[in-house]
C-alpha atoms as a PDB file:
ATOM      1  CA  MET A   1      12.914 -29.885  96.465  1.00  0.00           C
ATOM      2  CA  ILE A   2      10.765 -30.424  99.582  1.00  0.00           C
ATOM      3  CA  GLY A   3      11.866 -32.976 102.095  1.00  0.00           C
ATOM      4  CA  ARG A   4      10.071 -34.487 105.014  1.00  0.00           C
ATOM      5  CA  LEU A   5       7.075 -33.009 106.778  1.00  0.00           C
ATOM      6  CA  ASN A   6       8.461 -31.033 109.701  1.00  0.00           C
ATOM      7  CA  HIS A   7       5.210 -30.109 111.442  1.00  0.00           C
ATOM      8  CA  VAL A   8       1.531 -29.279 111.163  1.00  0.00           C
ATOM      9  CA  ALA A   9       0.629 -26.040 112.935  1.00  0.00           C
ATOM     10  CA  ILE A  10      -2.714 -25.647 114.698  1.00  0.00           C
ATOM     11  CA  ALA A  11      -3.956 -22.272 115.930  1.00  0.00           C
ATOM     12  CA  VAL A  12      -5.646 -22.664 119.318  1.00  0.00           C
ATOM     13  CA  PRO A  13      -7.907 -20.241 121.231  1.00  0.00           C
ATOM     14  CA  ASP A  14      -6.856 -21.631 124.645  1.00  0.00           C
ATOM     15  CA  LEU A  15      -3.245 -22.789 124.868  1.00  0.00           C
ATOM     16  CA  ALA A  16      -3.514 -24.336 128.348  1.00  0.00           C
ATOM     17  CA  ALA A  17      -6.580 -26.371 127.324  1.00  0.00           C
ATOM     18  CA  ALA A  18      -4.860 -27.565 124.138  1.00  0.00           C
ATOM     19  CA  ILE A  19      -1.748 -28.596 126.068  1.00  0.00           C
ATOM     20  CA  ALA A  20      -3.891 -30.506 128.567  1.00  0.00           C
ATOM     21  CA  GLN A  21      -5.799 -32.216 125.761  1.00  0.00           C
ATOM     22  CA  TYR A  22      -2.680 -33.368 123.927  1.00  0.00           C
ATOM     23  CA  SER A  23      -0.783 -34.430 127.052  1.00  0.00           C
ATOM     24  CA  GLY A  24      -3.771 -35.905 128.891  1.00  0.00           C
ATOM     25  CA  ALA A  25      -6.318 -37.352 126.475  1.00  0.00           C
ATOM     26  CA  LEU A  26      -3.810 -38.156 123.726  1.00  0.00           C
ATOM     27  CA  GLY A  27      -0.824 -38.955 125.963  1.00  0.00           C
ATOM     28  CA  ALA A  28       1.571 -36.947 123.792  1.00  0.00           C
ATOM     29  CA  ASN A  29       5.008 -35.615 124.689  1.00  0.00           C
ATOM     30  CA  VAL A  30       4.307 -31.865 124.927  1.00  0.00           C
ATOM     31  CA  GLY A  31       7.116 -29.304 125.095  1.00  0.00           C
ATOM     32  CA  ALA A  32       7.180 -26.056 127.025  1.00  0.00           C
ATOM     33  CA  PRO A  33       5.598 -22.902 125.590  1.00  0.00           C
ATOM     34  CA  GLN A  34       8.055 -20.579 123.892  1.00  0.00           C
ATOM     35  CA  ASP A  35       7.355 -17.008 122.861  1.00  0.00           C
ATOM     36  CA  GLU A  36       8.375 -16.023 119.333  1.00  0.00           C
ATOM     37  CA  PRO A  37       8.027 -12.215 119.301  1.00  0.00           C
ATOM     38  CA  ASP A  38       9.309 -11.878 115.711  1.00  0.00           C
ATOM     39  CA  HIS A  39       6.356 -13.988 114.574  1.00  0.00           C
ATOM     40  CA  GLY A  40       3.794 -12.742 117.119  1.00  0.00           C
ATOM     41  CA  VAL A  41       3.077 -16.190 118.537  1.00  0.00           C
ATOM     42  CA  THR A  42       3.602 -18.479 121.460  1.00  0.00           C
ATOM     43  CA  VAL A  43       4.383 -21.994 120.244  1.00  0.00           C
ATOM     44  CA  VAL A  44       4.289 -25.407 121.847  1.00  0.00           C
ATOM     45  CA  PHE A  45       5.715 -28.409 120.025  1.00  0.00           C
ATOM     46  CA  ILE A  46       4.260 -31.857 120.406  1.00  0.00           C
ATOM     47  CA  GLU A  47       6.739 -34.566 119.490  1.00  0.00           C
ATOM     48  CA  LEU A  48       5.410 -37.501 117.493  1.00  0.00           C
ATOM     49  CA  PRO A  49       7.412 -40.491 116.245  1.00  0.00           C
ATOM     50  CA  ASN A  50       7.348 -39.238 112.627  1.00  0.00           C
ATOM     51  CA  THR A  51       6.789 -35.449 112.863  1.00  0.00           C
ATOM     52  CA  LYS A  52       5.618 -32.670 115.187  1.00  0.00           C
ATOM     53  CA  ILE A  53       2.442 -30.735 115.890  1.00  0.00           C
ATOM     54  CA  GLU A  54       2.932 -27.029 116.599  1.00  0.00           C
ATOM     55  CA  LEU A  55       0.294 -25.313 118.710  1.00  0.00           C
ATOM     56  CA  LEU A  56       0.079 -21.594 117.905  1.00  0.00           C
ATOM     57  CA  TYR A  57      -1.339 -19.006 120.272  1.00  0.00           C
ATOM     58  CA  PRO A  58      -1.396 -15.218 119.711  1.00  0.00           C
ATOM     59  CA  LEU A  59       1.376 -13.230 121.348  1.00  0.00           C
ATOM     60  CA  GLY A  60      -0.080  -9.740 121.560  1.00  0.00           C
ATOM     61  CA  GLU A  61      -3.018  -8.095 119.828  1.00  0.00           C
ATOM     62  CA  ASN A  62      -1.158  -7.640 116.518  1.00  0.00           C
ATOM     63  CA  SER A  63      -0.459 -11.347 116.145  1.00  0.00           C
ATOM     64  CA  PRO A  64      -1.371 -12.836 112.759  1.00  0.00           C
ATOM     65  CA  ILE A  65      -2.848 -15.738 114.713  1.00  0.00           C
ATOM     66  CA  ARG A  66      -5.333 -13.340 116.342  1.00  0.00           C
ATOM     67  CA  GLY A  67      -6.829 -12.637 112.903  1.00  0.00           C
ATOM     68  CA  PHE A  68      -6.947 -16.344 112.107  1.00  0.00           C
ATOM     69  CA  LEU A  69      -8.767 -17.062 115.383  1.00  0.00           C
ATOM     70  CA  ASP A  70     -11.182 -14.185 114.784  1.00  0.00           C
ATOM     71  CA  LYS A  71     -12.225 -15.970 111.579  1.00  0.00           C
ATOM     72  CA  ASN A  72     -11.971 -19.457 113.136  1.00  0.00           C
ATOM     73  CA  PRO A  73     -12.915 -19.104 116.829  1.00  0.00           C
ATOM     74  CA  ALA A  74     -12.518 -22.815 117.565  1.00  0.00           C
ATOM     75  CA  GLY A  75      -9.013 -22.807 116.049  1.00  0.00           C
ATOM     76  CA  GLY A  76      -7.824 -25.057 113.263  1.00  0.00           C
ATOM     77  CA  ILE A  77      -4.945 -26.020 111.019  1.00  0.00           C
ATOM     78  CA  HIS A  78      -2.965 -22.886 110.225  1.00  0.00           C
ATOM     79  CA  HIS A  79      -0.082 -24.176 108.077  1.00  0.00           C
ATOM     80  CA  ILE A  80       2.089 -27.131 107.209  1.00  0.00           C
ATOM     81  CA  CYS A  81       5.872 -27.027 107.236  1.00  0.00           C
ATOM     82  CA  TYR A  82       8.194 -28.919 104.920  1.00  0.00           C
ATOM     83  CA  GLU A  83      11.950 -29.184 105.234  1.00  0.00           C
ATOM     84  CA  VAL A  84      14.307 -27.975 102.488  1.00  0.00           C
ATOM     85  CA  ASP A  85      18.084 -28.268 102.228  1.00  0.00           C
ATOM     86  CA  ASP A  86      18.666 -24.738 100.944  1.00  0.00           C
ATOM     87  CA  ILE A  87      16.072 -22.037 101.662  1.00  0.00           C
ATOM     88  CA  ALA A  88      17.630 -19.518  99.234  1.00  0.00           C
ATOM     89  CA  ALA A  89      17.602 -22.030  96.373  1.00  0.00           C
ATOM     90  CA  ALA A  90      14.029 -23.047  97.251  1.00  0.00           C
ATOM     91  CA  ARG A  91      12.890 -19.413  97.243  1.00  0.00           C
ATOM     92  CA  LYS A  92      14.577 -18.795  93.877  1.00  0.00           C
ATOM     93  CA  GLN A  93      13.004 -21.888  92.308  1.00  0.00           C
ATOM     94  CA  LEU A  94       9.552 -21.091  93.685  1.00  0.00           C
ATOM     95  CA  THR A  95       9.511 -17.456  92.611  1.00  0.00           C
ATOM     96  CA  ALA A  96      10.774 -18.475  89.153  1.00  0.00           C
ATOM     97  CA  SER A  97       7.766 -20.796  88.882  1.00  0.00           C
ATOM     98  CA  GLY A  98       5.376 -17.965  89.845  1.00  0.00           C
ATOM     99  CA  ALA A  99       4.804 -18.834  93.511  1.00  0.00           C
ATOM    100  CA  ARG A 100       4.592 -15.918  95.931  1.00  0.00           C
ATOM    101  CA  VAL A 101       6.745 -15.798  99.041  1.00  0.00           C
ATOM    102  CA  LEU A 102       5.135 -13.834 101.875  1.00  0.00           C
ATOM    103  CA  GLY A 103       7.108 -10.902 103.226  1.00  0.00           C
ATOM    104  CA  ASP A 104      10.103  -9.285 101.687  1.00  0.00           C
ATOM    105  CA  GLY A 105      13.742  -9.467 102.570  1.00  0.00           C
ATOM    106  CA  PRO A 106      15.663 -12.395 103.972  1.00  0.00           C
ATOM    107  CA  PRO A 107      14.054 -15.440 105.610  1.00  0.00           C
ATOM    108  CA  LYS A 108      13.098 -15.070 109.255  1.00  0.00           C
ATOM    109  CA  ILE A 109      14.441 -17.347 111.944  1.00  0.00           C
ATOM    110  CA  GLY A 110      11.731 -19.774 113.024  1.00  0.00           C
ATOM    111  CA  ALA A 111      10.929 -21.474 116.323  1.00  0.00           C
ATOM    112  CA  HIS A 112      13.598 -24.138 115.723  1.00  0.00           C
ATOM    113  CA  GLY A 113      16.274 -21.459 115.247  1.00  0.00           C
ATOM    114  CA  LYS A 114      16.477 -22.108 111.490  1.00  0.00           C
ATOM    115  CA  PRO A 115      15.597 -19.922 108.475  1.00  0.00           C
ATOM    116  CA  VAL A 116      11.960 -20.118 107.314  1.00  0.00           C
ATOM    117  CA  ILE A 117       9.787 -18.652 104.576  1.00  0.00           C
ATOM    118  CA  PHE A 118       6.047 -18.818 104.007  1.00  0.00           C
ATOM    119  CA  LEU A 119       4.321 -19.355 100.664  1.00  0.00           C
ATOM    120  CA  HIS A 120       1.048 -17.688  99.733  1.00  0.00           C
ATOM    121  CA  PRO A 121      -1.915 -20.029 100.302  1.00  0.00           C
ATOM    122  CA  LYS A 122      -3.590 -18.936  97.059  1.00  0.00           C
ATOM    123  CA  ASP A 123      -0.677 -20.523  95.188  1.00  0.00           C
ATOM    124  CA  PHE A 124      -0.987 -23.854  97.042  1.00  0.00           C
ATOM    125  CA  ASN A 125      -4.645 -24.898  97.036  1.00  0.00           C
ATOM    126  CA  GLY A 126      -5.577 -22.649  99.950  1.00  0.00           C
ATOM    127  CA  CYS A 127      -2.846 -24.015 102.245  1.00  0.00           C
ATOM    128  CA  LEU A 128      -0.272 -21.772 103.891  1.00  0.00           C
ATOM    129  CA  ILE A 129       3.096 -23.500 103.460  1.00  0.00           C
ATOM    130  CA  GLU A 130       6.163 -22.909 105.603  1.00  0.00           C
ATOM    131  CA  LEU A 131       9.567 -24.044 104.378  1.00  0.00           C
ATOM    132  CA  GLU A 132      12.309 -24.577 106.953  1.00  0.00           C
ATOM    133  CA  GLU A 133      15.976 -25.031 106.098  1.00  0.00           C
ATOM    134  CA  VAL A 134      17.497 -28.087 107.745  1.00  0.00           C
END
């Protein structure tokens, strides 16, 4: 069901410093920050030859990333995202196998403008998984 790795998301306590580190020290191609109010985050994508890194920064005090950073003040890997061909079929297959999809209702639209769902980390070895329809 899952396809290629779309991105690895890293929550960062200082977005400007993280951008400078990736563009300067690592010489990466860093995109512009984009606010995602529906998800409570500001994201920056770093393009790599084989995938992307997504920097996550809280957008507002109610951001889920704020809670993550409260527990992990230095930041850290927040989730990994895999591509799927059909998000509805993926959701159906996963729930039938006992996996929990976070949230209720239809998939949200993610930072790439495509439908996404998140899978409970307790069902996947402590890792929050995002699935993005491609």
